[in-house]
Structure formats: C-alpha cells, structure tokens
Amino acid sequence: MMTIKYSSKRPLTPKEEAEIQKMIASDPDNPELTEEQIAGLKPFSEALPELAESIRKNLGGRPKSDNPKVAVSIRLDPEVVDAFKAKGEGWQSRINETLRKAVGL
C-alpha cells in the first residue's frame, strides 16, 4: 500500500513546501518555465494551425446541424420525466417529439 506524504486536505507546512519545490527544481525532464517562456506561449491552434485543423477535421465528432436545438431549462413533474426515462435512452428527444406534435409541427 502506498502512503501519502502530502495531503490536499490541509495546508502544507513550510518544510513540506520547501521539499516539494526542491523536488521540482531537481527534475531534469520537466524544468519549470521561466516568466519569459510563459509570456511567449501560444495556444496550440496558433502554434500549429495546420495540425490543429487536421485534428479537428479527422476527429470529426457530430457534424454541425442545419437546425441546431436550443438549450433551455424547464420544470416538469417528476412523474413526467420518470415516464419518459423509463422507456430508455433518447428520452429528451421523445419529449421534444411529443411537444412538436402538441404544437402542430
């Protein structure tokens, strides 16, 4: 079993903070950035625009809808929600279809 030396449930003591900073400073694979380096950072999409665009296109995801839905907040009786959810996935789409029929669409 691994023991946890530092806890996020309490503030670090000055000694613990010093130990952590010493470990950070001694890591040759991941040195801390300087203020100058931080100031020169760019978002990935600006640093490598062609690669960012390629990734965006190839990862795909859901295509943009010609008629996107609008996010709203609505209060419904718990029994109504339970009845739609009881029929499985797609319950929000079924509520949408029921409302479309109710308004004559």
PDB file of N, CA and C in Angstrom:
ATOM      1  N   MET A   1       0.841  -1.185   0.000  1.00  0.00           N
ATOM      2  CA  MET A   1       0.000   0.000   0.000  1.00  0.00           C
ATOM      3  C   MET A   1       0.884   1.247   0.000  1.00  0.00           C
ATOM      4  N   MET A   2       0.505   2.215  -0.831  1.00  0.00           N
ATOM      5  CA  MET A   2       1.280   3.438  -0.934  1.00  0.00           C
ATOM      6  C   MET A   2       0.804   4.442   0.117  1.00  0.00           C
ATOM      7  N   THR A   3       1.755   5.037   0.819  1.00  0.00           N
ATOM      8  CA  THR A   3       1.381   6.057   1.786  1.00  0.00           C
ATOM      9  C   THR A   3       1.449   7.421   1.117  1.00  0.00           C
ATOM     10  N   ILE A   4       0.600   8.297   1.555  1.00  0.00           N
ATOM     11  CA  ILE A   4       0.551   9.649   1.004  1.00  0.00           C
ATOM     12  C   ILE A   4       1.253  10.574   1.980  1.00  0.00           C
ATOM     13  N   LYS A   5       2.345  11.182   1.513  1.00  0.00           N
ATOM     14  CA  LYS A   5       3.137  12.052   2.383  1.00  0.00           C
ATOM     15  C   LYS A   5       2.505  13.428   2.525  1.00  0.00           C
ATOM     16  N   TYR A   6       1.990  13.949   1.410  1.00  0.00           N
ATOM     17  CA  TYR A   6       1.404  15.288   1.430  1.00  0.00           C
ATOM     18  C   TYR A   6      -0.092  15.158   1.192  1.00  0.00           C
ATOM     19  N   SER A   7      -0.849  15.887   1.952  1.00  0.00           N
ATOM     20  CA  SER A   7      -2.300  15.799   1.842  1.00  0.00           C
ATOM     21  C   SER A   7      -2.878  17.103   1.304  1.00  0.00           C
ATOM     22  N   SER A   8      -3.828  16.985   0.383  1.00  0.00           N
ATOM     23  CA  SER A   8      -4.511  18.180  -0.124  1.00  0.00           C
ATOM     24  C   SER A   8      -5.622  18.615   0.830  1.00  0.00           C
ATOM     25  N   LYS A   9      -5.798  17.865   1.922  1.00  0.00           N
ATOM     26  CA  LYS A   9      -6.865  18.181   2.864  1.00  0.00           C
ATOM     27  C   LYS A   9      -6.422  19.174   3.936  1.00  0.00           C
ATOM     28  N   ARG A  10      -5.124  19.540   3.878  1.00  0.00           N
ATOM     29  CA  ARG A  10      -4.612  20.514   4.837  1.00  0.00           C
ATOM     30  C   ARG A  10      -3.532  21.345   4.158  1.00  0.00           C
ATOM     31  N   PRO A  11      -3.278  22.531   4.658  1.00  0.00           N
ATOM     32  CA  PRO A  11      -2.199  23.343   4.070  1.00  0.00           C
ATOM     33  C   PRO A  11      -0.843  22.669   4.303  1.00  0.00           C
ATOM     34  N   LEU A  12       0.066  22.884   3.369  1.00  0.00           N
ATOM     35  CA  LEU A  12       1.418  22.355   3.528  1.00  0.00           C
ATOM     36  C   LEU A  12       2.172  23.181   4.560  1.00  0.00           C
ATOM     37  N   THR A  13       3.046  22.506   5.283  1.00  0.00           N
ATOM     38  CA  THR A  13       3.925  23.237   6.199  1.00  0.00           C
ATOM     39  C   THR A  13       5.021  23.882   5.354  1.00  0.00           C
ATOM     40  N   PRO A  14       5.685  24.896   5.867  1.00  0.00           N
ATOM     41  CA  PRO A  14       6.804  25.489   5.109  1.00  0.00           C
ATOM     42  C   PRO A  14       7.870  24.453   4.750  1.00  0.00           C
ATOM     43  N   LYS A  15       8.123  23.511   5.635  1.00  0.00           N
ATOM     44  CA  LYS A  15       9.123  22.464   5.366  1.00  0.00           C
ATOM     45  C   LYS A  15       8.663  21.577   4.201  1.00  0.00           C
ATOM     46  N   GLU A  16       7.383  21.194   4.197  1.00  0.00           N
ATOM     47  CA  GLU A  16       6.859  20.370   3.105  1.00  0.00           C
ATOM     48  C   GLU A  16       6.907  21.121   1.781  1.00  0.00           C
ATOM     49  N   GLU A  17       6.539  22.390   1.817  1.00  0.00           N
ATOM     50  CA  GLU A  17       6.577  23.210   0.600  1.00  0.00           C
ATOM     51  C   GLU A  17       8.002  23.280   0.062  1.00  0.00           C
ATOM     52  N   ALA A  18       8.971  23.468   0.949  1.00  0.00           N
ATOM     53  CA  ALA A  18      10.376  23.531   0.537  1.00  0.00           C
ATOM     54  C   ALA A  18      10.824  22.206  -0.079  1.00  0.00           C
ATOM     55  N   GLU A  19      10.389  21.085   0.500  1.00  0.00           N
ATOM     56  CA  GLU A  19      10.736  19.764  -0.042  1.00  0.00           C
ATOM     57  C   GLU A  19      10.171  19.593  -1.447  1.00  0.00           C
ATOM     58  N   ILE A  20       8.931  20.002  -1.631  1.00  0.00           N
ATOM     59  CA  ILE A  20       8.280  19.876  -2.939  1.00  0.00           C
ATOM     60  C   ILE A  20       8.987  20.751  -3.961  1.00  0.00           C
ATOM     61  N   GLN A  21       9.295  21.991  -3.591  1.00  0.00           N
ATOM     62  CA  GLN A  21       9.988  22.892  -4.515  1.00  0.00           C
ATOM     63  C   GLN A  21      11.356  22.348  -4.883  1.00  0.00           C
ATOM     64  N   LYS A  22      12.049  21.724  -3.927  1.00  0.00           N
ATOM     65  CA  LYS A  22      13.363  21.131  -4.192  1.00  0.00           C
ATOM     66  C   LYS A  22      13.228  19.974  -5.184  1.00  0.00           C
ATOM     67  N   MET A  23      12.186  19.144  -5.013  1.00  0.00           N
ATOM     68  CA  MET A  23      11.958  18.029  -5.943  1.00  0.00           C
ATOM     69  C   MET A  23      11.646  18.553  -7.348  1.00  0.00           C
ATOM     70  N   ILE A  24      10.838  19.598  -7.431  1.00  0.00           N
ATOM     71  CA  ILE A  24      10.507  20.187  -8.732  1.00  0.00           C
ATOM     72  C   ILE A  24      11.769  20.696  -9.415  1.00  0.00           C
ATOM     73  N   ALA A  25      12.586  21.420  -8.679  1.00  0.00           N
ATOM     74  CA  ALA A  25      13.800  22.018  -9.238  1.00  0.00           C
ATOM     75  C   ALA A  25      14.807  20.960  -9.684  1.00  0.00           C
ATOM     76  N   SER A  26      14.766  19.782  -9.063  1.00  0.00           N
ATOM     77  CA  SER A  26      15.752  18.748  -9.385  1.00  0.00           C
ATOM     78  C   SER A  26      15.308  17.826 -10.513  1.00  0.00           C
ATOM     79  N   ASP A  27      14.153  18.039 -11.072  1.00  0.00           N
ATOM     80  CA  ASP A  27      13.639  17.163 -12.133  1.00  0.00           C
ATOM     81  C   ASP A  27      14.177  17.618 -13.487  1.00  0.00           C
ATOM     82  N   PRO A  28      15.156  16.900 -14.059  1.00  0.00           N
ATOM     83  CA  PRO A  28      15.758  17.339 -15.319  1.00  0.00           C
ATOM     84  C   PRO A  28      14.827  17.172 -16.524  1.00  0.00           C
ATOM     85  N   ASP A  29      13.816  16.329 -16.386  1.00  0.00           N
ATOM     86  CA  ASP A  29      12.910  16.078 -17.509  1.00  0.00           C
ATOM     87  C   ASP A  29      11.785  17.089 -17.599  1.00  0.00           C
ATOM     88  N   ASN A  30      11.604  17.863 -16.560  1.00  0.00           N
ATOM     89  CA  ASN A  30      10.478  18.792 -16.559  1.00  0.00           C
ATOM     90  C   ASN A  30      10.822  20.057 -15.776  1.00  0.00           C
ATOM     91  N   PRO A  31      11.748  20.857 -16.292  1.00  0.00           N
ATOM     92  CA  PRO A  31      12.108  22.073 -15.564  1.00  0.00           C
ATOM     93  C   PRO A  31      10.964  23.082 -15.591  1.00  0.00           C
ATOM     94  N   GLU A  32      10.906  23.902 -14.571  1.00  0.00           N
ATOM     95  CA  GLU A  32       9.876  24.945 -14.538  1.00  0.00           C
ATOM     96  C   GLU A  32      10.147  25.962 -15.636  1.00  0.00           C
ATOM     97  N   LEU A  33       9.075  26.484 -16.210  1.00  0.00           N
ATOM     98  CA  LEU A  33       9.205  27.517 -17.235  1.00  0.00           C
ATOM     99  C   LEU A  33       9.578  28.846 -16.603  1.00  0.00           C
ATOM    100  N   THR A  34      10.333  29.627 -17.351  1.00  0.00           N
ATOM    101  CA  THR A  34      10.654  30.973 -16.894  1.00  0.00           C
ATOM    102  C   THR A  34       9.495  31.902 -17.238  1.00  0.00           C
ATOM    103  N   GLU A  35       9.483  33.069 -16.643  1.00  0.00           N
ATOM    104  CA  GLU A  35       8.442  34.061 -16.958  1.00  0.00           C
ATOM    105  C   GLU A  35       8.490  34.424 -18.437  1.00  0.00           C
ATOM    106  N   GLU A  36       9.693  34.520 -18.987  1.00  0.00           N
ATOM    107  CA  GLU A  36       9.856  34.847 -20.406  1.00  0.00           C
ATOM    108  C   GLU A  36       9.248  33.744 -21.283  1.00  0.00           C
ATOM    109  N   GLN A  37       9.487  32.486 -20.915  1.00  0.00           N
ATOM    110  CA  GLN A  37       8.914  31.371 -21.677  1.00  0.00           C
ATOM    111  C   GLN A  37       7.388  31.381 -21.585  1.00  0.00           C
ATOM    112  N   ILE A  38       6.875  31.624 -20.398  1.00  0.00           N
ATOM    113  CA  ILE A  38       5.424  31.656 -20.209  1.00  0.00           C
ATOM    114  C   ILE A  38       4.808  32.760 -21.051  1.00  0.00           C
ATOM    115  N   ALA A  39       5.451  33.923 -21.090  1.00  0.00           N
ATOM    116  CA  ALA A  39       4.931  35.064 -21.860  1.00  0.00           C
ATOM    117  C   ALA A  39       4.900  34.757 -23.350  1.00  0.00           C
ATOM    118  N   GLY A  40       5.794  33.881 -23.822  1.00  0.00           N
ATOM    119  CA  GLY A  40       5.851  33.563 -25.243  1.00  0.00           C
ATOM    120  C   GLY A  40       4.979  32.399 -25.675  1.00  0.00           C
ATOM    121  N   LEU A  41       4.234  31.799 -24.753  1.00  0.00           N
ATOM    122  CA  LEU A  41       3.390  30.655 -25.108  1.00  0.00           C
ATOM    123  C   LEU A  41       2.214  31.081 -25.977  1.00  0.00           C
ATOM    124  N   LYS A  42       1.807  30.179 -26.878  1.00  0.00           N
ATOM    125  CA  LYS A  42       0.669  30.414 -27.758  1.00  0.00           C
ATOM    126  C   LYS A  42      -0.296  29.236 -27.639  1.00  0.00           C
ATOM    127  N   PRO A  43      -1.566  29.451 -27.922  1.00  0.00           N
ATOM    128  CA  PRO A  43      -2.487  28.326 -27.976  1.00  0.00           C
ATOM    129  C   PRO A  43      -2.052  27.349 -29.073  1.00  0.00           C
ATOM    130  N   PHE A  44      -2.337  26.075 -28.876  1.00  0.00           N
ATOM    131  CA  PHE A  44      -1.958  25.037 -29.835  1.00  0.00           C
ATOM    132  C   PHE A  44      -2.424  25.395 -31.247  1.00  0.00           C
ATOM    133  N   SER A  45      -3.662  25.884 -31.360  1.00  0.00           N
ATOM    134  CA  SER A  45      -4.208  26.187 -32.687  1.00  0.00           C
ATOM    135  C   SER A  45      -3.459  27.319 -33.387  1.00  0.00           C
ATOM    136  N   GLU A  46      -2.782  28.192 -32.626  1.00  0.00           N
ATOM    137  CA  GLU A  46      -1.969  29.253 -33.229  1.00  0.00           C
ATOM    138  C   GLU A  46      -0.550  28.769 -33.511  1.00  0.00           C
ATOM    139  N   ALA A  47      -0.016  27.935 -32.633  1.00  0.00           N
ATOM    140  CA  ALA A  47       1.359  27.455 -32.803  1.00  0.00           C
ATOM    141  C   ALA A  47       1.466  26.484 -33.975  1.00  0.00           C
ATOM    142  N   LEU A  48       0.486  25.629 -34.138  1.00  0.00           N
ATOM    143  CA  LEU A  48       0.496  24.623 -35.208  1.00  0.00           C
ATOM    144  C   LEU A  48      -0.873  24.581 -35.884  1.00  0.00           C
ATOM    145  N   PRO A  49      -1.223  25.633 -36.642  1.00  0.00           N
ATOM    146  CA  PRO A  49      -2.580  25.728 -37.191  1.00  0.00           C
ATOM    147  C   PRO A  49      -2.954  24.591 -38.134  1.00  0.00           C
ATOM    148  N   GLU A  50      -2.006  24.139 -38.980  1.00  0.00           N
ATOM    149  CA  GLU A  50      -2.340  23.064 -39.930  1.00  0.00           C
ATOM    150  C   GLU A  50      -2.652  21.771 -39.182  1.00  0.00           C
ATOM    151  N   LEU A  51      -1.829  21.459 -38.186  1.00  0.00           N
ATOM    152  CA  LEU A  51      -2.059  20.240 -37.409  1.00  0.00           C
ATOM    153  C   LEU A  51      -3.358  20.339 -36.624  1.00  0.00           C
ATOM    154  N   ALA A  52      -3.617  21.499 -36.035  1.00  0.00           N
ATOM    155  CA  ALA A  52      -4.851  21.687 -35.274  1.00  0.00           C
ATOM    156  C   ALA A  52      -6.075  21.502 -36.170  1.00  0.00           C
ATOM    157  N   GLU A  53      -6.019  22.046 -37.376  1.00  0.00           N
ATOM    158  CA  GLU A  53      -7.143  21.906 -38.310  1.00  0.00           C
ATOM    159  C   GLU A  53      -7.308  20.456 -38.728  1.00  0.00           C
ATOM    160  N   SER A  54      -6.194  19.765 -38.989  1.00  0.00           N
ATOM    161  CA  SER A  54      -6.242  18.358 -39.374  1.00  0.00           C
ATOM    162  C   SER A  54      -6.876  17.515 -38.265  1.00  0.00           C
ATOM    163  N   ILE A  55      -6.476  17.777 -37.040  1.00  0.00           N
ATOM    164  CA  ILE A  55      -7.036  17.035 -35.907  1.00  0.00           C
ATOM    165  C   ILE A  55      -8.525  17.325 -35.788  1.00  0.00           C
ATOM    166  N   ARG A  56      -8.882  18.604 -35.898  1.00  0.00           N
ATOM    167  CA  ARG A  56     -10.296  18.976 -35.779  1.00  0.00           C
ATOM    168  C   ARG A  56     -11.137  18.256 -36.826  1.00  0.00           C
ATOM    169  N   LYS A  57     -10.624  18.191 -38.078  1.00  0.00           N
ATOM    170  CA  LYS A  57     -11.369  17.547 -39.157  1.00  0.00           C
ATOM    171  C   LYS A  57     -11.433  16.035 -38.972  1.00  0.00           C
ATOM    172  N   ASN A  58     -10.293  15.429 -38.588  1.00  0.00           N
ATOM    173  CA  ASN A  58     -10.224  13.977 -38.511  1.00  0.00           C
ATOM    174  C   ASN A  58     -10.889  13.389 -37.279  1.00  0.00           C
ATOM    175  N   LEU A  59     -10.946  14.161 -36.204  1.00  0.00           N
ATOM    176  CA  LEU A  59     -11.622  13.646 -35.025  1.00  0.00           C
ATOM    177  C   LEU A  59     -13.125  13.661 -35.241  1.00  0.00           C
ATOM    178  N   GLY A  60     -13.526  14.488 -36.142  1.00  0.00           N
ATOM    179  CA  GLY A  60     -14.926  14.503 -36.536  1.00  0.00           C
ATOM    180  C   GLY A  60     -15.849  14.907 -35.423  1.00  0.00           C
ATOM    181  N   GLY A  61     -16.403  13.920 -34.781  1.00  0.00           N
ATOM    182  CA  GLY A  61     -17.449  14.223 -33.823  1.00  0.00           C
ATOM    183  C   GLY A  61     -18.759  14.363 -34.571  1.00  0.00           C
ATOM    184  N   ARG A  62     -19.693  14.898 -33.920  1.00  0.00           N
ATOM    185  CA  ARG A  62     -21.009  15.064 -34.514  1.00  0.00           C
ATOM    186  C   ARG A  62     -20.966  16.213 -35.516  1.00  0.00           C
ATOM    187  N   PRO A  63     -21.476  16.002 -36.738  1.00  0.00           N
ATOM    188  CA  PRO A  63     -21.478  17.104 -37.710  1.00  0.00           C
ATOM    189  C   PRO A  63     -22.403  18.236 -37.251  1.00  0.00           C
ATOM    190  N   LYS A  64     -22.088  19.438 -37.693  1.00  0.00           N
ATOM    191  CA  LYS A  64     -22.917  20.587 -37.345  1.00  0.00           C
ATOM    192  C   LYS A  64     -24.309  20.402 -37.934  1.00  0.00           C
ATOM    193  N   SER A  65     -25.298  20.675 -37.135  1.00  0.00           N
ATOM    194  CA  SER A  65     -26.684  20.538 -37.554  1.00  0.00           C
ATOM    195  C   SER A  65     -27.123  21.765 -38.348  1.00  0.00           C
ATOM    196  N   ASP A  66     -27.956  21.544 -39.359  1.00  0.00           N
ATOM    197  CA  ASP A  66     -28.540  22.654 -40.098  1.00  0.00           C
ATOM    198  C   ASP A  66     -29.607  23.362 -39.264  1.00  0.00           C
ATOM    199  N   ASN A  67     -30.138  22.643 -38.285  1.00  0.00           N
ATOM    200  CA  ASN A  67     -31.188  23.177 -37.433  1.00  0.00           C
ATOM    201  C   ASN A  67     -30.853  22.816 -35.982  1.00  0.00           C
ATOM    202  N   PRO A  68     -29.845  23.490 -35.388  1.00  0.00           N
ATOM    203  CA  PRO A  68     -29.428  23.109 -34.038  1.00  0.00           C
ATOM    204  C   PRO A  68     -30.507  23.367 -33.001  1.00  0.00           C
ATOM    205  N   LYS A  69     -30.519  22.525 -31.992  1.00  0.00           N
ATOM    206  CA  LYS A  69     -31.500  22.678 -30.920  1.00  0.00           C
ATOM    207  C   LYS A  69     -31.036  23.765 -29.964  1.00  0.00           C
ATOM    208  N   VAL A  70     -31.970  24.289 -29.204  1.00  0.00           N
ATOM    209  CA  VAL A  70     -31.696  25.356 -28.255  1.00  0.00           C
ATOM    210  C   VAL A  70     -31.744  24.768 -26.852  1.00  0.00           C
ATOM    211  N   ALA A  71     -30.700  25.012 -26.061  1.00  0.00           N
ATOM    212  CA  ALA A  71     -30.687  24.542 -24.674  1.00  0.00           C
ATOM    213  C   ALA A  71     -31.592  25.436 -23.840  1.00  0.00           C
ATOM    214  N   VAL A  72     -32.508  24.825 -23.109  1.00  0.00           N
ATOM    215  CA  VAL A  72     -33.414  25.564 -22.232  1.00  0.00           C
ATOM    216  C   VAL A  72     -33.507  24.836 -20.896  1.00  0.00           C
ATOM    217  N   SER A  73     -33.989  25.539 -19.919  1.00  0.00           N
ATOM    218  CA  SER A  73     -34.258  24.939 -18.620  1.00  0.00           C
ATOM    219  C   SER A  73     -35.771  24.955 -18.460  1.00  0.00           C
ATOM    220  N   ILE A  74     -36.322  23.814 -18.106  1.00  0.00           N
ATOM    221  CA  ILE A  74     -37.780  23.707 -17.966  1.00  0.00           C
ATOM    222  C   ILE A  74     -38.082  22.830 -16.758  1.00  0.00           C
ATOM    223  N   ARG A  75     -39.126  23.172 -16.038  1.00  0.00           N
ATOM    224  CA  ARG A  75     -39.521  22.377 -14.872  1.00  0.00           C
ATOM    225  C   ARG A  75     -40.699  21.489 -15.272  1.00  0.00           C
ATOM    226  N   LEU A  76     -40.511  20.194 -15.054  1.00  0.00           N
ATOM    227  CA  LEU A  76     -41.547  19.222 -15.355  1.00  0.00           C
ATOM    228  C   LEU A  76     -41.853  18.425 -14.106  1.00  0.00           C
ATOM    229  N   ASP A  77     -43.046  17.873 -14.052  1.00  0.00           N
ATOM    230  CA  ASP A  77     -43.381  16.997 -12.932  1.00  0.00           C
ATOM    231  C   ASP A  77     -42.454  15.788 -12.946  1.00  0.00           C
ATOM    232  N   PRO A  78     -42.018  15.342 -11.757  1.00  0.00           N
ATOM    233  CA  PRO A  78     -41.126  14.184 -11.701  1.00  0.00           C
ATOM    234  C   PRO A  78     -41.720  12.953 -12.379  1.00  0.00           C
ATOM    235  N   GLU A  79     -43.025  12.802 -12.291  1.00  0.00           N
ATOM    236  CA  GLU A  79     -43.672  11.631 -12.899  1.00  0.00           C
ATOM    237  C   GLU A  79     -43.554  11.664 -14.418  1.00  0.00           C
ATOM    238  N   VAL A  80     -43.603  12.859 -14.996  1.00  0.00           N
ATOM    239  CA  VAL A  80     -43.469  13.006 -16.447  1.00  0.00           C
ATOM    240  C   VAL A  80     -42.063  12.601 -16.874  1.00  0.00           C
ATOM    241  N   VAL A  81     -41.065  13.121 -16.187  1.00  0.00           N
ATOM    242  CA  VAL A  81     -39.673  12.788 -16.517  1.00  0.00           C
ATOM    243  C   VAL A  81     -39.441  11.292 -16.322  1.00  0.00           C
ATOM    244  N   ASP A  82     -39.917  10.745 -15.214  1.00  0.00           N
ATOM    245  CA  ASP A  82     -39.737   9.310 -14.949  1.00  0.00           C
ATOM    246  C   ASP A  82     -40.361   8.459 -16.039  1.00  0.00           C
ATOM    247  N   ALA A  83     -41.541   8.867 -16.522  1.00  0.00           N
ATOM    248  CA  ALA A  83     -42.225   8.097 -17.564  1.00  0.00           C
ATOM    249  C   ALA A  83     -41.410   8.084 -18.857  1.00  0.00           C
ATOM    250  N   PHE A  84     -40.840   9.218 -19.235  1.00  0.00           N
ATOM    251  CA  PHE A  84     -40.015   9.263 -20.446  1.00  0.00           C
ATOM    252  C   PHE A  84     -38.710   8.496 -20.252  1.00  0.00           C
ATOM    253  N   LYS A  85     -38.077   8.652 -19.088  1.00  0.00           N
ATOM    254  CA  LYS A  85     -36.817   7.959 -18.821  1.00  0.00           C
ATOM    255  C   LYS A  85     -37.011   6.446 -18.752  1.00  0.00           C
ATOM    256  N   ALA A  86     -38.179   6.020 -18.306  1.00  0.00           N
ATOM    257  CA  ALA A  86     -38.448   4.588 -18.162  1.00  0.00           C
ATOM    258  C   ALA A  86     -38.386   3.860 -19.500  1.00  0.00           C
ATOM    259  N   LYS A  87     -38.571   4.582 -20.586  1.00  0.00           N
ATOM    260  CA  LYS A  87     -38.531   3.964 -21.913  1.00  0.00           C
ATOM    261  C   LYS A  87     -37.123   3.934 -22.485  1.00  0.00           C
ATOM    262  N   GLY A  88     -36.116   4.356 -21.698  1.00  0.00           N
ATOM    263  CA  GLY A  88     -34.731   4.221 -22.113  1.00  0.00           C
ATOM    264  C   GLY A  88     -34.124   5.488 -22.688  1.00  0.00           C
ATOM    265  N   GLU A  89     -32.944   5.276 -23.310  1.00  0.00           N
ATOM    266  CA  GLU A  89     -32.211   6.401 -23.883  1.00  0.00           C
ATOM    267  C   GLU A  89     -33.056   7.132 -24.919  1.00  0.00           C
ATOM    268  N   GLY A  90     -32.735   8.412 -25.102  1.00  0.00           N
ATOM    269  CA  GLY A  90     -33.470   9.226 -26.064  1.00  0.00           C
ATOM    270  C   GLY A  90     -34.698   9.876 -25.471  1.00  0.00           C
ATOM    271  N   TRP A  91     -34.783   9.875 -24.149  1.00  0.00           N
ATOM    272  CA  TRP A  91     -35.992  10.420 -23.518  1.00  0.00           C
ATOM    273  C   TRP A  91     -36.168  11.904 -23.803  1.00  0.00           C
ATOM    274  N   GLN A  92     -35.068  12.662 -23.918  1.00  0.00           N
ATOM    275  CA  GLN A  92     -35.198  14.088 -24.212  1.00  0.00           C
ATOM    276  C   GLN A  92     -35.716  14.293 -25.636  1.00  0.00           C
ATOM    277  N   SER A  93     -35.249  13.457 -26.565  1.00  0.00           N
ATOM    278  CA  SER A  93     -35.745  13.545 -27.944  1.00  0.00           C
ATOM    279  C   SER A  93     -37.223  13.174 -28.011  1.00  0.00           C
ATOM    280  N   ARG A  94     -37.633  12.209 -27.195  1.00  0.00           N
ATOM    281  CA  ARG A  94     -39.055  11.841 -27.182  1.00  0.00           C
ATOM    282  C   ARG A  94     -39.910  12.969 -26.614  1.00  0.00           C
ATOM    283  N   ILE A  95     -39.404  13.655 -25.594  1.00  0.00           N
ATOM    284  CA  ILE A  95     -40.137  14.818 -25.072  1.00  0.00           C
ATOM    285  C   ILE A  95     -40.241  15.874 -26.164  1.00  0.00           C
ATOM    286  N   ASN A  96     -39.153  16.106 -26.895  1.00  0.00           N
ATOM    287  CA  ASN A  96     -39.167  17.087 -27.984  1.00  0.00           C
ATOM    288  C   ASN A  96     -40.215  16.711 -29.029  1.00  0.00           C
ATOM    289  N   GLU A  97     -40.234  15.447 -29.414  1.00  0.00           N
ATOM    290  CA  GLU A  97     -41.205  14.992 -30.438  1.00  0.00           C
ATOM    291  C   GLU A  97     -42.634  15.142 -29.918  1.00  0.00           C
ATOM    292  N   THR A  98     -42.873  14.829 -28.660  1.00  0.00           N
ATOM    293  CA  THR A  98     -44.211  14.994 -28.067  1.00  0.00           C
ATOM    294  C   THR A  98     -44.632  16.462 -28.090  1.00  0.00           C
ATOM    295  N   LEU A  99     -43.701  17.344 -27.760  1.00  0.00           N
ATOM    296  CA  LEU A  99     -44.016  18.786 -27.789  1.00  0.00           C
ATOM    297  C   LEU A  99     -44.251  19.273 -29.200  1.00  0.00           C
ATOM    298  N   ARG A 100     -43.472  18.774 -30.169  1.00  0.00           N
ATOM    299  CA  ARG A 100     -43.690  19.149 -31.571  1.00  0.00           C
ATOM    300  C   ARG A 100     -45.104  18.780 -32.012  1.00  0.00           C
ATOM    301  N   LYS A 101     -45.530  17.582 -31.668  1.00  0.00           N
ATOM    302  CA  LYS A 101     -46.893  17.150 -32.027  1.00  0.00           C
ATOM    303  C   LYS A 101     -47.934  18.021 -31.343  1.00  0.00           C
ATOM    304  N   ALA A 102     -47.671  18.363 -30.068  1.00  0.00           N
ATOM    305  CA  ALA A 102     -48.637  19.166 -29.305  1.00  0.00           C
ATOM    306  C   ALA A 102     -48.833  20.555 -29.920  1.00  0.00           C
ATOM    307  N   VAL A 103     -47.782  21.093 -30.528  1.00  0.00           N
ATOM    308  CA  VAL A 103     -47.915  22.448 -31.116  1.00  0.00           C
ATOM    309  C   VAL A 103     -48.182  22.383 -32.616  1.00  0.00           C
ATOM    310  N   GLY A 104     -48.371  21.177 -33.158  1.00  0.00           N
ATOM    311  CA  GLY A 104     -48.741  21.035 -34.558  1.00  0.00           C
ATOM    312  C   GLY A 104     -47.594  21.081 -35.541  1.00  0.00           C
ATOM    313  N   LEU A 105     -46.397  20.683 -35.141  1.00  0.00           N
ATOM    314  CA  LEU A 105     -45.261  20.672 -36.053  1.00  0.00           C
ATOM    315  C   LEU A 105     -44.990  19.278 -36.587  1.00  0.00           C
TER     316      LEU A 105
END
